[in-house]
Every structure is written in C-alpha cells, then in structure tokens.
Amino acid sequence: AASTTVFGSGWAWLAVTKDKKLKIAKTPNQDNPLMEGSAAGEIMYPILGLDVWEHAYYLDYQNRRPEYIKAFWSVINWEAVSGYYELGMKGEGAPF
C-alpha cells in the first residue's frame, strides 16, 4: 500500500531498522531511509526499493501506476534482497 499512496514522485521501501525489524516506509522525491530526517521517520537500511516516479513507468504504463506496481513483483531478485537483509541485520548498508 505504501507505493500506491506516494503522492507525486517518490519511493516505497522495505528496510531493516536499527533494532533489526523489517519496516515498510515511503519517501518523497529523492529521499531515502538512509537520510537523517527523511520522511521514513528513522534511519534504516533499505533492502528493496520501488521507484514510483512517473519516469520509472510512464513509457510502458502511462498513468497506470497500480499495473506497474503489480508487474514490479515479478522482476525482484529475491536472492539479492535476502543478502541485503543479512547486511541490514548486521547494521550495514547494501553496497549499491
């Protein structure tokens, strides 16, 4: 739901908090959970991000953001996400 409620441009995130819990967050524009003071509310280690800026989907989906979000789930590299999760649990960020 986080990705469908971003107004305008932004991101939806799955992240590991400093107390080692998974959290779903959303941020506007170019903000991310690693930024102090971001809309995510706390510094977190992102393990999966969904870009919901219009440029990410307009050529294929025009203004059909929900279809883009649904298609996103079919291209996730879960092995990589799992590795980023392990790093987050150690208090480390992913080496993007």
N, C-alpha and C. Protein backbone atom coordinates (compact mmCIF):
# COMPACT_ATOMS: atom_id res chain seq x y z
N ALA A 1 0.81 -1.19 0.00
CA ALA A 1 0.00 0.00 0.00
C ALA A 1 0.85 1.26 0.00
N ALA A 2 2.06 1.18 0.56
CA ALA A 2 2.91 2.37 0.63
C ALA A 2 3.17 2.93 -0.76
N SER A 3 3.39 2.05 -1.74
CA SER A 3 3.71 2.52 -3.08
C SER A 3 2.53 3.18 -3.77
N THR A 4 1.32 2.79 -3.43
CA THR A 4 0.15 3.40 -4.06
C THR A 4 -0.25 4.70 -3.40
N THR A 5 0.31 4.99 -2.23
CA THR A 5 -0.07 6.21 -1.52
C THR A 5 0.98 7.31 -1.60
N VAL A 6 2.05 7.08 -2.34
CA VAL A 6 3.04 8.15 -2.54
C VAL A 6 2.40 9.18 -3.46
N PHE A 7 2.31 10.41 -3.01
CA PHE A 7 1.74 11.46 -3.84
C PHE A 7 2.83 12.03 -4.73
N GLY A 8 2.61 12.00 -6.04
CA GLY A 8 3.60 12.53 -6.98
C GLY A 8 4.78 11.59 -7.08
N SER A 9 5.97 12.13 -6.93
CA SER A 9 7.19 11.35 -7.11
C SER A 9 7.73 10.86 -5.77
N GLY A 10 8.29 9.67 -5.79
CA GLY A 10 8.87 9.15 -4.56
C GLY A 10 9.17 7.67 -4.64
N TRP A 11 9.32 7.08 -3.48
CA TRP A 11 9.75 5.69 -3.36
C TRP A 11 8.97 4.98 -2.27
N ALA A 12 8.83 3.66 -2.42
CA ALA A 12 8.37 2.79 -1.34
C ALA A 12 9.55 1.87 -1.02
N TRP A 13 9.74 1.59 0.25
CA TRP A 13 10.91 0.86 0.71
C TRP A 13 10.54 -0.29 1.63
N LEU A 14 11.30 -1.36 1.54
CA LEU A 14 11.34 -2.38 2.57
C LEU A 14 12.72 -2.23 3.18
N ALA A 15 12.78 -2.05 4.49
CA ALA A 15 14.05 -1.73 5.12
C ALA A 15 14.17 -2.43 6.47
N VAL A 16 15.42 -2.51 6.94
CA VAL A 16 15.71 -3.05 8.27
C VAL A 16 16.01 -1.87 9.19
N THR A 17 15.32 -1.82 10.31
CA THR A 17 15.54 -0.74 11.27
C THR A 17 16.78 -1.03 12.11
N LYS A 18 17.21 -0.03 12.85
CA LYS A 18 18.38 -0.22 13.72
C LYS A 18 18.13 -1.25 14.81
N ASP A 19 16.85 -1.47 15.17
CA ASP A 19 16.55 -2.51 16.16
C ASP A 19 16.20 -3.84 15.48
N LYS A 20 16.64 -3.98 14.22
CA LYS A 20 16.60 -5.23 13.45
C LYS A 20 15.19 -5.76 13.18
N LYS A 21 14.30 -4.84 12.83
CA LYS A 21 12.95 -5.21 12.43
C LYS A 21 12.73 -4.76 11.00
N LEU A 22 11.90 -5.48 10.26
CA LEU A 22 11.53 -5.06 8.91
C LEU A 22 10.47 -3.97 9.00
N LYS A 23 10.59 -3.00 8.13
CA LYS A 23 9.62 -1.91 8.12
C LYS A 23 9.37 -1.47 6.68
N ILE A 24 8.14 -1.17 6.37
CA ILE A 24 7.77 -0.59 5.07
C ILE A 24 7.66 0.91 5.28
N ALA A 25 8.30 1.65 4.40
CA ALA A 25 8.28 3.11 4.50
C ALA A 25 8.11 3.71 3.12
N LYS A 26 7.76 4.97 3.09
CA LYS A 26 7.70 5.69 1.82
C LYS A 26 8.39 7.03 2.00
N THR A 27 9.01 7.50 0.92
CA THR A 27 9.69 8.79 0.97
C THR A 27 9.36 9.56 -0.31
N PRO A 28 9.30 10.88 -0.21
CA PRO A 28 9.04 11.69 -1.39
C PRO A 28 10.32 11.95 -2.18
N ASN A 29 10.13 12.26 -3.43
CA ASN A 29 11.21 12.72 -4.30
C ASN A 29 12.42 11.80 -4.23
N GLN A 30 13.61 12.34 -3.95
CA GLN A 30 14.83 11.54 -3.94
C GLN A 30 15.22 11.09 -2.55
N ASP A 31 14.41 11.33 -1.54
CA ASP A 31 14.74 10.92 -0.17
C ASP A 31 14.82 9.40 -0.07
N ASN A 32 15.59 8.93 0.90
CA ASN A 32 15.69 7.51 1.15
C ASN A 32 15.85 7.26 2.65
N PRO A 33 15.63 6.03 3.11
CA PRO A 33 15.68 5.75 4.54
C PRO A 33 17.06 5.92 5.18
N LEU A 34 18.12 6.03 4.40
CA LEU A 34 19.44 6.25 4.98
C LEU A 34 19.67 7.70 5.36
N MET A 35 18.81 8.59 4.89
CA MET A 35 18.98 10.02 5.14
C MET A 35 18.40 10.41 6.49
N GLU A 36 19.20 11.06 7.30
CA GLU A 36 18.70 11.56 8.57
C GLU A 36 17.63 12.61 8.30
N GLY A 37 16.52 12.51 8.99
CA GLY A 37 15.44 13.47 8.81
C GLY A 37 14.54 13.18 7.62
N SER A 38 14.68 12.00 6.99
CA SER A 38 13.83 11.68 5.84
C SER A 38 12.41 11.39 6.31
N ALA A 39 11.50 11.34 5.37
CA ALA A 39 10.09 11.05 5.68
C ALA A 39 9.91 9.63 6.20
N ALA A 40 10.93 8.78 6.07
CA ALA A 40 10.84 7.42 6.60
C ALA A 40 10.71 7.44 8.12
N GLY A 41 11.14 8.53 8.74
CA GLY A 41 10.97 8.69 10.18
C GLY A 41 12.16 8.26 11.02
N GLU A 42 13.02 7.44 10.48
CA GLU A 42 14.21 6.99 11.19
C GLU A 42 15.21 6.48 10.16
N ILE A 43 16.45 6.40 10.55
CA ILE A 43 17.45 5.86 9.63
C ILE A 43 17.30 4.34 9.60
N MET A 44 17.19 3.80 8.39
CA MET A 44 17.03 2.37 8.18
C MET A 44 17.93 1.92 7.04
N TYR A 45 18.13 0.63 6.94
CA TYR A 45 18.92 0.06 5.85
C TYR A 45 17.96 -0.49 4.80
N PRO A 46 17.85 0.17 3.63
CA PRO A 46 16.92 -0.31 2.61
C PRO A 46 17.40 -1.63 2.00
N ILE A 47 16.45 -2.55 1.84
CA ILE A 47 16.78 -3.83 1.20
C ILE A 47 16.00 -4.02 -0.10
N LEU A 48 14.96 -3.21 -0.31
CA LEU A 48 14.18 -3.26 -1.54
C LEU A 48 13.54 -1.90 -1.74
N GLY A 49 13.67 -1.35 -2.92
CA GLY A 49 13.08 -0.05 -3.21
C GLY A 49 12.25 -0.10 -4.48
N LEU A 50 11.13 0.56 -4.46
CA LEU A 50 10.26 0.67 -5.63
C LEU A 50 10.14 2.14 -6.01
N ASP A 51 10.67 2.47 -7.17
CA ASP A 51 10.64 3.83 -7.70
C ASP A 51 9.26 4.11 -8.27
N VAL A 52 8.53 5.03 -7.68
CA VAL A 52 7.22 5.38 -8.22
C VAL A 52 7.20 6.78 -8.83
N TRP A 53 8.38 7.28 -9.20
CA TRP A 53 8.43 8.49 -10.01
C TRP A 53 7.83 8.13 -11.36
N GLU A 54 7.15 9.05 -11.95
CA GLU A 54 6.50 8.79 -13.24
C GLU A 54 7.48 8.32 -14.31
N HIS A 55 8.72 8.82 -14.29
CA HIS A 55 9.70 8.41 -15.31
C HIS A 55 10.00 6.92 -15.25
N ALA A 56 9.76 6.28 -14.13
CA ALA A 56 10.06 4.86 -13.98
C ALA A 56 9.09 3.98 -14.76
N TYR A 57 7.90 4.45 -15.00
CA TYR A 57 6.89 3.58 -15.60
C TYR A 57 6.11 4.18 -16.76
N TYR A 58 6.25 5.46 -17.04
CA TYR A 58 5.35 6.10 -17.99
C TYR A 58 5.40 5.50 -19.39
N LEU A 59 6.58 5.17 -19.91
CA LEU A 59 6.67 4.64 -21.28
C LEU A 59 5.90 3.34 -21.45
N ASP A 60 5.92 2.48 -20.44
CA ASP A 60 5.22 1.20 -20.54
C ASP A 60 3.80 1.23 -19.97
N TYR A 61 3.57 2.07 -18.96
CA TYR A 61 2.30 2.02 -18.25
C TYR A 61 1.52 3.33 -18.27
N GLN A 62 2.04 4.37 -18.91
CA GLN A 62 1.42 5.70 -18.92
C GLN A 62 1.05 6.10 -17.48
N ASN A 63 -0.21 6.32 -17.20
CA ASN A 63 -0.60 6.75 -15.86
C ASN A 63 -1.17 5.61 -15.02
N ARG A 64 -0.85 4.38 -15.38
CA ARG A 64 -1.39 3.20 -14.69
C ARG A 64 -0.41 2.68 -13.64
N ARG A 65 -0.16 3.49 -12.63
CA ARG A 65 0.80 3.12 -11.58
C ARG A 65 0.47 1.77 -10.93
N PRO A 66 -0.79 1.47 -10.62
CA PRO A 66 -1.07 0.16 -9.99
C PRO A 66 -0.62 -1.03 -10.84
N GLU A 67 -0.73 -0.94 -12.16
CA GLU A 67 -0.26 -2.03 -13.03
C GLU A 67 1.26 -2.16 -12.96
N TYR A 68 1.94 -1.03 -12.94
CA TYR A 68 3.40 -1.01 -12.81
C TYR A 68 3.83 -1.67 -11.49
N ILE A 69 3.14 -1.33 -10.41
CA ILE A 69 3.47 -1.90 -9.11
C ILE A 69 3.25 -3.41 -9.11
N LYS A 70 2.18 -3.85 -9.71
CA LYS A 70 1.90 -5.29 -9.78
C LYS A 70 2.99 -6.01 -10.57
N ALA A 71 3.42 -5.43 -11.68
CA ALA A 71 4.46 -6.04 -12.51
C ALA A 71 5.82 -6.05 -11.80
N PHE A 72 6.06 -5.08 -10.94
CA PHE A 72 7.32 -5.00 -10.20
C PHE A 72 7.63 -6.29 -9.46
N TRP A 73 6.59 -6.91 -8.87
CA TRP A 73 6.80 -8.12 -8.07
C TRP A 73 7.35 -9.28 -8.87
N SER A 74 7.20 -9.25 -10.18
CA SER A 74 7.68 -10.37 -11.00
C SER A 74 9.14 -10.23 -11.42
N VAL A 75 9.78 -9.11 -11.09
CA VAL A 75 11.17 -8.90 -11.51
C VAL A 75 12.14 -8.74 -10.33
N ILE A 76 11.67 -8.94 -9.14
CA ILE A 76 12.53 -8.78 -7.96
C ILE A 76 13.52 -9.93 -7.87
N ASN A 77 14.77 -9.60 -7.58
CA ASN A 77 15.81 -10.60 -7.34
C ASN A 77 15.81 -10.88 -5.83
N TRP A 78 15.04 -11.88 -5.43
CA TRP A 78 14.88 -12.15 -4.00
C TRP A 78 16.18 -12.62 -3.35
N GLU A 79 17.05 -13.24 -4.11
CA GLU A 79 18.35 -13.65 -3.56
C GLU A 79 19.15 -12.41 -3.14
N ALA A 80 19.14 -11.38 -3.98
CA ALA A 80 19.83 -10.14 -3.64
C ALA A 80 19.17 -9.47 -2.44
N VAL A 81 17.84 -9.42 -2.41
CA VAL A 81 17.13 -8.82 -1.28
C VAL A 81 17.49 -9.55 0.02
N SER A 82 17.57 -10.87 -0.05
CA SER A 82 17.94 -11.66 1.12
C SER A 82 19.34 -11.29 1.61
N GLY A 83 20.27 -11.09 0.67
CA GLY A 83 21.62 -10.68 1.04
C GLY A 83 21.63 -9.30 1.68
N TYR A 84 20.83 -8.38 1.15
CA TYR A 84 20.75 -7.04 1.74
C TYR A 84 20.12 -7.09 3.14
N TYR A 85 19.17 -8.01 3.30
CA TYR A 85 18.56 -8.21 4.62
C TYR A 85 19.62 -8.65 5.63
N GLU A 86 20.44 -9.61 5.23
CA GLU A 86 21.50 -10.09 6.13
C GLU A 86 22.44 -8.95 6.51
N LEU A 87 22.80 -8.10 5.54
CA LEU A 87 23.65 -6.94 5.85
C LEU A 87 22.95 -5.99 6.83
N GLY A 88 21.68 -5.72 6.58
CA GLY A 88 20.92 -4.85 7.46
C GLY A 88 20.85 -5.37 8.88
N MET A 89 20.74 -6.69 9.01
CA MET A 89 20.69 -7.29 10.34
C MET A 89 22.03 -7.15 11.05
N LYS A 90 23.10 -6.94 10.32
CA LYS A 90 24.43 -6.70 10.91
C LYS A 90 24.66 -5.22 11.15
N GLY A 91 23.69 -4.38 10.76
CA GLY A 91 23.86 -2.94 10.91
C GLY A 91 24.68 -2.34 9.80
N GLU A 92 24.67 -2.98 8.64
CA GLU A 92 25.44 -2.49 7.49
C GLU A 92 24.48 -2.20 6.35
N GLY A 93 24.84 -1.24 5.53
CA GLY A 93 24.06 -0.92 4.34
C GLY A 93 24.48 -1.76 3.16
N ALA A 94 23.61 -1.90 2.20
CA ALA A 94 23.91 -2.63 0.97
C ALA A 94 24.92 -1.86 0.13
N PRO A 95 25.84 -2.53 -0.53
CA PRO A 95 26.87 -1.85 -1.33
C PRO A 95 26.36 -1.49 -2.73
N PHE A 96 25.44 -0.54 -2.78
CA PHE A 96 24.87 -0.14 -4.09
C PHE A 96 25.86 0.68 -4.86
